[in-house]
C-alpha atoms as a PDB file:
ATOM      1  CA  MET A   1      95.681 103.338 -35.894  1.00  0.00           C
ATOM      2  CA  ILE A   2      91.888 103.685 -35.358  1.00  0.00           C
ATOM      3  CA  ALA A   3      90.500 103.757 -31.921  1.00  0.00           C
ATOM      4  CA  LEU A   4      86.792 103.306 -31.092  1.00  0.00           C
ATOM      5  CA  ARG A   5      85.027 104.568 -28.063  1.00  0.00           C
ATOM      6  CA  ARG A   6      81.795 103.611 -26.789  1.00  0.00           C
ATOM      7  CA  THR A   7      79.965 106.657 -25.526  1.00  0.00           C
ATOM      8  CA  ASP A   8      76.271 108.197 -25.448  1.00  0.00           C
ATOM      9  CA  CYS A   9      74.537 110.869 -27.554  1.00  0.00           C
ATOM     10  CA  THR A  10      75.632 113.920 -25.661  1.00  0.00           C
ATOM     11  CA  ASP A  11      79.583 113.296 -26.572  1.00  0.00           C
ATOM     12  CA  HIS A  12      80.959 116.567 -28.208  1.00  0.00           C
ATOM     13  CA  ALA A  13      82.698 114.483 -31.330  1.00  0.00           C
ATOM     14  CA  PHE A  14      79.388 112.476 -31.935  1.00  0.00           C
ATOM     15  CA  VAL A  15      77.478 115.994 -31.900  1.00  0.00           C
ATOM     16  CA  GLU A  16      80.210 117.359 -34.548  1.00  0.00           C
ATOM     17  CA  LEU A  17      80.179 114.573 -36.499  1.00  0.00           C
ATOM     18  CA  THR A  18      76.261 113.995 -36.928  1.00  0.00           C
ATOM     19  CA  ASP A  19      75.838 117.840 -37.580  1.00  0.00           C
ATOM     20  CA  GLU A  20      78.186 117.163 -40.754  1.00  0.00           C
ATOM     21  CA  LEU A  21      75.975 114.201 -41.554  1.00  0.00           C
ATOM     22  CA  THR A  22      72.649 116.188 -41.201  1.00  0.00           C
ATOM     23  CA  LEU A  23      73.870 118.761 -43.346  1.00  0.00           C
ATOM     24  CA  MET A  24      75.190 116.237 -46.057  1.00  0.00           C
ATOM     25  CA  LEU A  25      71.819 114.428 -45.950  1.00  0.00           C
ATOM     26  CA  SER A  26      69.898 117.732 -46.294  1.00  0.00           C
ATOM     27  CA  VAL A  27      71.303 118.276 -49.379  1.00  0.00           C
ATOM     28  CA  LEU A  28      70.763 115.017 -50.787  1.00  0.00           C
ATOM     29  CA  ASN A  29      67.198 114.502 -49.113  1.00  0.00           C
ATOM     30  CA  GLY A  30      65.832 117.869 -50.863  1.00  0.00           C
ATOM     31  CA  GLU A  31      62.723 118.461 -50.151  1.00  0.00           C
ATOM     32  CA  ALA A  32      62.136 114.832 -48.073  1.00  0.00           C
ATOM     33  CA  ASP A  33      64.685 116.124 -45.730  1.00  0.00           C
ATOM     34  CA  GLU A  34      62.032 117.196 -42.887  1.00  0.00           C
ATOM     35  CA  PHE A  35      60.372 113.700 -42.881  1.00  0.00           C
ATOM     36  CA  PHE A  36      63.965 111.842 -42.460  1.00  0.00           C
ATOM     37  CA  THR A  37      65.288 114.474 -40.166  1.00  0.00           C
ATOM     38  CA  GLN A  38      62.253 113.796 -37.585  1.00  0.00           C
ATOM     39  CA  PHE A  39      63.574 110.038 -37.245  1.00  0.00           C
ATOM     40  CA  SER A  40      67.288 110.966 -36.439  1.00  0.00           C
ATOM     41  CA  GLN A  41      67.562 113.016 -33.417  1.00  0.00           C
ATOM     42  CA  ARG A  42      70.304 112.650 -31.360  1.00  0.00           C
ATOM     43  CA  ASP A  43      68.407 112.689 -27.913  1.00  0.00           C
ATOM     44  CA  SER A  44      66.629 109.673 -28.734  1.00  0.00           C
ATOM     45  CA  ILE A  45      69.908 107.662 -29.177  1.00  0.00           C
ATOM     46  CA  PRO A  46      71.398 105.859 -26.318  1.00  0.00           C
ATOM     47  CA  TYR A  47      74.477 103.812 -27.547  1.00  0.00           C
ATOM     48  CA  VAL A  48      77.009 105.757 -29.497  1.00  0.00           C
ATOM     49  CA  VAL A  49      80.426 104.317 -30.969  1.00  0.00           C
ATOM     50  CA  VAL A  50      83.141 107.030 -31.958  1.00  0.00           C
ATOM     51  CA  ALA A  51      85.881 106.276 -34.027  1.00  0.00           C
ATOM     52  CA  GLU A  52      88.847 108.215 -33.924  1.00  0.00           C
ATOM     53  CA  LEU A  53      92.388 108.666 -36.104  1.00  0.00           C
ATOM     54  CA  ASP A  54      95.367 109.967 -34.076  1.00  0.00           C
ATOM     55  CA  GLY A  55      92.989 111.484 -31.396  1.00  0.00           C
ATOM     56  CA  GLN A  56      90.985 113.211 -33.702  1.00  0.00           C
ATOM     57  CA  PRO A  57      87.098 112.013 -34.388  1.00  0.00           C
ATOM     58  CA  ILE A  58      86.419 110.581 -38.009  1.00  0.00           C
ATOM     59  CA  ALA A  59      83.206 108.615 -37.972  1.00  0.00           C
ATOM     60  CA  CYS A  60      80.540 107.433 -35.645  1.00  0.00           C
ATOM     61  CA  GLY A  61      77.466 105.064 -35.374  1.00  0.00           C
ATOM     62  CA  SER A  62      74.769 104.494 -33.059  1.00  0.00           C
ATOM     63  CA  LEU A  63      71.448 102.343 -31.856  1.00  0.00           C
ATOM     64  CA  ARG A  64      68.429 102.995 -30.733  1.00  0.00           C
ATOM     65  CA  PRO A  65      66.077 100.300 -29.676  1.00  0.00           C
ATOM     66  CA  LYS A  66      63.447  99.374 -32.154  1.00  0.00           C
ATOM     67  CA  ASP A  67      61.490  96.724 -30.164  1.00  0.00           C
ATOM     68  CA  ASP A  68      62.482  93.898 -27.517  1.00  0.00           C
ATOM     69  CA  GLN A  69      64.203  91.982 -30.342  1.00  0.00           C
ATOM     70  CA  ARG A  70      65.331  94.493 -32.883  1.00  0.00           C
ATOM     71  CA  ILE A  71      67.789  97.633 -32.417  1.00  0.00           C
ATOM     72  CA  GLU A  72      68.360  99.579 -35.404  1.00  0.00           C
ATOM     73  CA  VAL A  73      71.425 101.233 -36.668  1.00  0.00           C
ATOM     74  CA  LYS A  74      71.438 105.348 -36.954  1.00  0.00           C
ATOM     75  CA  ARG A  75      73.587 108.224 -37.782  1.00  0.00           C
ATOM     76  CA  MET A  76      76.403 106.376 -39.222  1.00  0.00           C
ATOM     77  CA  TYR A  77      78.783 108.744 -40.584  1.00  0.00           C
ATOM     78  CA  THR A  78      82.474 108.932 -41.807  1.00  0.00           C
ATOM     79  CA  SER A  79      84.318 112.209 -42.658  1.00  0.00           C
ATOM     80  CA  PRO A  80      85.000 112.819 -46.334  1.00  0.00           C
ATOM     81  CA  GLY A  81      88.667 112.896 -45.625  1.00  0.00           C
ATOM     82  CA  ALA A  82      88.851 109.597 -43.410  1.00  0.00           C
ATOM     83  CA  ARG A  83      86.645 107.517 -45.934  1.00  0.00           C
ATOM     84  CA  GLY A  84      88.357 104.039 -47.225  1.00  0.00           C
ATOM     85  CA  ASN A  85      90.366 103.689 -44.263  1.00  0.00           C
ATOM     86  CA  GLY A  86      87.882 100.934 -42.522  1.00  0.00           C
ATOM     87  CA  ALA A  87      86.314 102.922 -39.901  1.00  0.00           C
ATOM     88  CA  ALA A  88      82.900 102.699 -40.628  1.00  0.00           C
ATOM     89  CA  LYS A  89      83.488  98.870 -41.257  1.00  0.00           C
ATOM     90  CA  ALA A  90      85.013  98.802 -37.621  1.00  0.00           C
ATOM     91  CA  ILE A  91      81.991 100.587 -35.740  1.00  0.00           C
ATOM     92  CA  LEU A  92      79.339  98.459 -37.670  1.00  0.00           C
ATOM     93  CA  ARG A  93      80.827  95.323 -36.053  1.00  0.00           C
ATOM     94  CA  GLU A  94      81.385  97.463 -32.468  1.00  0.00           C
ATOM     95  CA  LEU A  95      77.715  98.197 -32.822  1.00  0.00           C
ATOM     96  CA  GLU A  96      76.834  94.358 -33.531  1.00  0.00           C
ATOM     97  CA  SER A  97      79.034  93.373 -30.354  1.00  0.00           C
ATOM     98  CA  TRP A  98      77.034  96.171 -28.067  1.00  0.00           C
ATOM     99  CA  ALA A  99      73.624  95.072 -29.385  1.00  0.00           C
ATOM    100  CA  LYS A 100      74.426  91.475 -28.808  1.00  0.00           C
ATOM    101  CA  GLU A 101      75.561  92.333 -25.227  1.00  0.00           C
ATOM    102  CA  LEU A 102      72.163  94.056 -24.812  1.00  0.00           C
ATOM    103  CA  GLY A 103      70.296  90.912 -25.772  1.00  0.00           C
ATOM    104  CA  TYR A 104      69.134  91.957 -29.178  1.00  0.00           C
ATOM    105  CA  ALA A 105      69.112  89.334 -31.545  1.00  0.00           C
ATOM    106  CA  GLU A 106      68.410  91.566 -34.953  1.00  0.00           C
ATOM    107  CA  VAL A 107      69.995  94.904 -36.164  1.00  0.00           C
ATOM    108  CA  ILE A 108      67.831  96.690 -38.627  1.00  0.00           C
ATOM    109  CA  LEU A 109      68.724  99.913 -40.274  1.00  0.00           C
ATOM    110  CA  GLU A 110      67.466 102.074 -43.073  1.00  0.00           C
ATOM    111  CA  THR A 111      69.841 104.078 -45.826  1.00  0.00           C
ATOM    112  CA  MET A 112      69.026 105.955 -48.498  1.00  0.00           C
ATOM    113  CA  SER A 113      68.964 103.662 -51.986  1.00  0.00           C
ATOM    114  CA  LYS A 114      71.341 106.195 -53.752  1.00  0.00           C
ATOM    115  CA  LEU A 115      74.013 105.547 -51.312  1.00  0.00           C
ATOM    116  CA  ASP A 116      75.926 103.026 -53.152  1.00  0.00           C
ATOM    117  CA  PRO A 117      78.822 102.980 -50.831  1.00  0.00           C
ATOM    118  CA  ALA A 118      76.339 102.741 -47.497  1.00  0.00           C
ATOM    119  CA  MET A 119      74.678 100.110 -49.338  1.00  0.00           C
ATOM    120  CA  GLY A 120      77.662  97.848 -49.983  1.00  0.00           C
ATOM    121  CA  LEU A 121      79.115  98.543 -46.504  1.00  0.00           C
ATOM    122  CA  TYR A 122      75.869  97.060 -45.146  1.00  0.00           C
ATOM    123  CA  GLN A 123      75.749  93.783 -47.620  1.00  0.00           C
ATOM    124  CA  SER A 124      79.592  93.267 -47.485  1.00  0.00           C
ATOM    125  CA  ALA A 125      78.959  93.067 -43.539  1.00  0.00           C
ATOM    126  CA  GLY A 126      76.009  90.507 -44.119  1.00  0.00           C
ATOM    127  CA  TYR A 127      72.909  92.522 -43.877  1.00  0.00           C
ATOM    128  CA  HIS A 128      70.128  91.623 -45.962  1.00  0.00           C
ATOM    129  CA  GLN A 129      67.613  93.904 -47.611  1.00  0.00           C
ATOM    130  CA  ILE A 130      64.182  93.555 -46.164  1.00  0.00           C
ATOM    131  CA  PRO A 131      61.047  95.705 -47.077  1.00  0.00           C
ATOM    132  CA  ASN A 132      60.875  98.938 -45.494  1.00  0.00           C
ATOM    133  CA  PHE A 133      59.724  98.977 -42.073  1.00  0.00           C
ATOM    134  CA  PRO A 134      57.725 101.903 -40.586  1.00  0.00           C
ATOM    135  CA  PRO A 135      58.047 104.841 -40.579  1.00  0.00           C
ATOM    136  CA  TYR A 136      60.027 104.396 -43.864  1.00  0.00           C
ATOM    137  CA  ASP A 137      57.509 101.818 -45.549  1.00  0.00           C
ATOM    138  CA  ALA A 138      55.927 104.554 -47.931  1.00  0.00           C
ATOM    139  CA  SER A 139      59.615 106.172 -48.748  1.00  0.00           C
ATOM    140  CA  PRO A 140      60.988 105.305 -52.125  1.00  0.00           C
ATOM    141  CA  GLU A 141      64.407 106.881 -51.239  1.00  0.00           C
ATOM    142  CA  SER A 142      64.933 104.251 -48.432  1.00  0.00           C
ATOM    143  CA  ALA A 143      66.327 100.976 -48.304  1.00  0.00           C
ATOM    144  CA  CYS A 144      66.189  98.634 -45.086  1.00  0.00           C
ATOM    145  CA  PHE A 145      68.649  96.324 -43.788  1.00  0.00           C
ATOM    146  CA  ALA A 146      68.558  93.239 -41.275  1.00  0.00           C
ATOM    147  CA  LYS A 147      71.092  90.839 -39.903  1.00  0.00           C
ATOM    148  CA  ARG A 148      70.470  88.164 -37.254  1.00  0.00           C
ATOM    149  CA  ILE A 149      73.361  88.243 -34.503  1.00  0.00           C
END
């Protein structure tokens, strides 16, 4: 059974999982990696959810306030060996619940347009694609989504 844990950006499991994510994205982003990395620094992320299976961290996601009404999903990642078990959907639901508890009206996010599994996850969870918001508005590699909560 997958257990979800709310924490913050200093959590050891979150640090390890996001290190894996950063490495994976650096390969996918190629020359554009420096552009994207500057907007995903862990220390700017106050709300974190870690998923564990049998006590082992397998996935994470987080929230960073964008403005008074919107909060942004950041650093969604599931370890390759744990994909397909529902951890990402569970984390996304928990992040949405947390965002609502915090008083936000909308959750937004950016993902790479070539990450079909991520695009499918967000669409199946009720997110709709929106025009790319800053700083991704000039990035053809980006796809932005939103969901009212």
